[in-house]
Protein backbone atom coordinates (compact mmCIF):
# COMPACT_ATOMS: atom_id res chain seq x y z
CA UNK A 1 17.19 16.22 217.63
CA UNK A 2 20.40 14.72 216.56
CA UNK A 3 18.39 11.36 215.25
CA UNK A 4 16.62 13.70 212.73
CA UNK A 5 20.02 15.59 211.47
CA UNK A 6 21.45 14.05 208.22
CA UNK A 7 24.96 13.32 207.26
CA UNK A 8 26.36 14.56 204.00
CA UNK A 9 25.83 11.26 201.82
CA UNK A 10 22.22 11.05 203.37
CA UNK A 11 21.43 14.27 202.10
CA UNK A 12 23.23 14.05 199.05
CA UNK A 13 20.64 10.78 198.35
CA UNK A 14 17.33 12.72 199.51
CA UNK A 15 18.20 15.65 197.33
CA UNK A 16 19.56 14.05 194.36
CA UNK A 17 22.85 16.02 194.59
CA UNK A 18 26.44 15.23 194.98
CA UNK A 19 28.20 15.61 198.11
CA UNK A 20 30.63 18.19 196.50
CA UNK A 21 27.54 20.36 195.37
CA UNK A 22 26.55 20.35 198.78
CA UNK A 23 29.76 21.46 199.82
CA UNK A 24 29.77 24.05 197.15
CA UNK A 25 26.40 25.29 198.08
CA UNK A 26 27.37 25.66 201.52
CA UNK A 27 30.33 27.62 200.35
CA UNK A 28 28.31 30.09 198.68
CA UNK A 29 25.97 30.65 201.58
CA UNK A 30 23.05 28.92 199.55
CA UNK A 31 22.97 26.43 202.42
CA UNK A 32 23.44 27.46 206.04
CA UNK A 33 26.59 26.18 207.87
CA UNK A 34 25.58 22.87 209.03
CA UNK A 35 26.24 21.64 212.94
CA UNK A 36 29.17 19.37 213.32
CA UNK A 37 29.11 16.17 215.39
CA UNK A 38 31.77 15.35 217.80
CA UNK A 39 33.46 13.32 215.04
CA UNK A 40 33.65 16.56 212.86
CA UNK A 41 31.01 15.03 210.31
CA UNK A 42 28.49 17.81 208.60
CA UNK A 43 25.17 17.56 210.13
CA UNK A 44 22.41 19.01 208.13
CA UNK A 45 18.72 19.78 209.32
CA UNK A 46 16.15 18.02 206.90
CA UNK A 47 15.22 21.57 205.87
CA UNK A 48 18.28 21.33 203.52
CA UNK A 49 16.65 18.65 201.44
CA UNK A 50 14.15 21.14 200.22
CA UNK A 51 16.55 24.01 199.83
CA UNK A 52 18.72 21.55 197.56
CA UNK A 53 15.62 20.54 195.75
CA UNK A 54 14.52 24.22 195.13
CA UNK A 55 17.93 25.01 194.05
CA UNK A 56 18.09 22.15 191.69
CA UNK A 57 14.28 22.80 190.31
CA UNK A 58 15.25 26.64 189.43
CA UNK A 59 18.55 25.70 187.83
CA UNK A 60 16.53 23.06 185.64
CA UNK A 61 14.32 26.37 185.00
CA UNK A 62 17.48 28.26 183.38
CA UNK A 63 18.06 30.42 186.49
CA UNK A 64 21.74 30.94 188.05
CA UNK A 65 22.55 30.74 191.34
CA UNK A 66 22.90 34.56 191.55
CA UNK A 67 19.14 34.93 190.60
């Protein structure tokens, strides 16, 4: 399973957002807390890409994070 997990930079590239935005969404509870590797790196499931794309699309339509 670990070979399918994404580091924050990989997730950012695939979702089209910055790493800072990912940490923000994680802190707000929009993204589930990631696993941590032995080195402390955040490791996200591939589902996180779809969540971030959805949030980005919703914001593009004028919706707020609260909505």
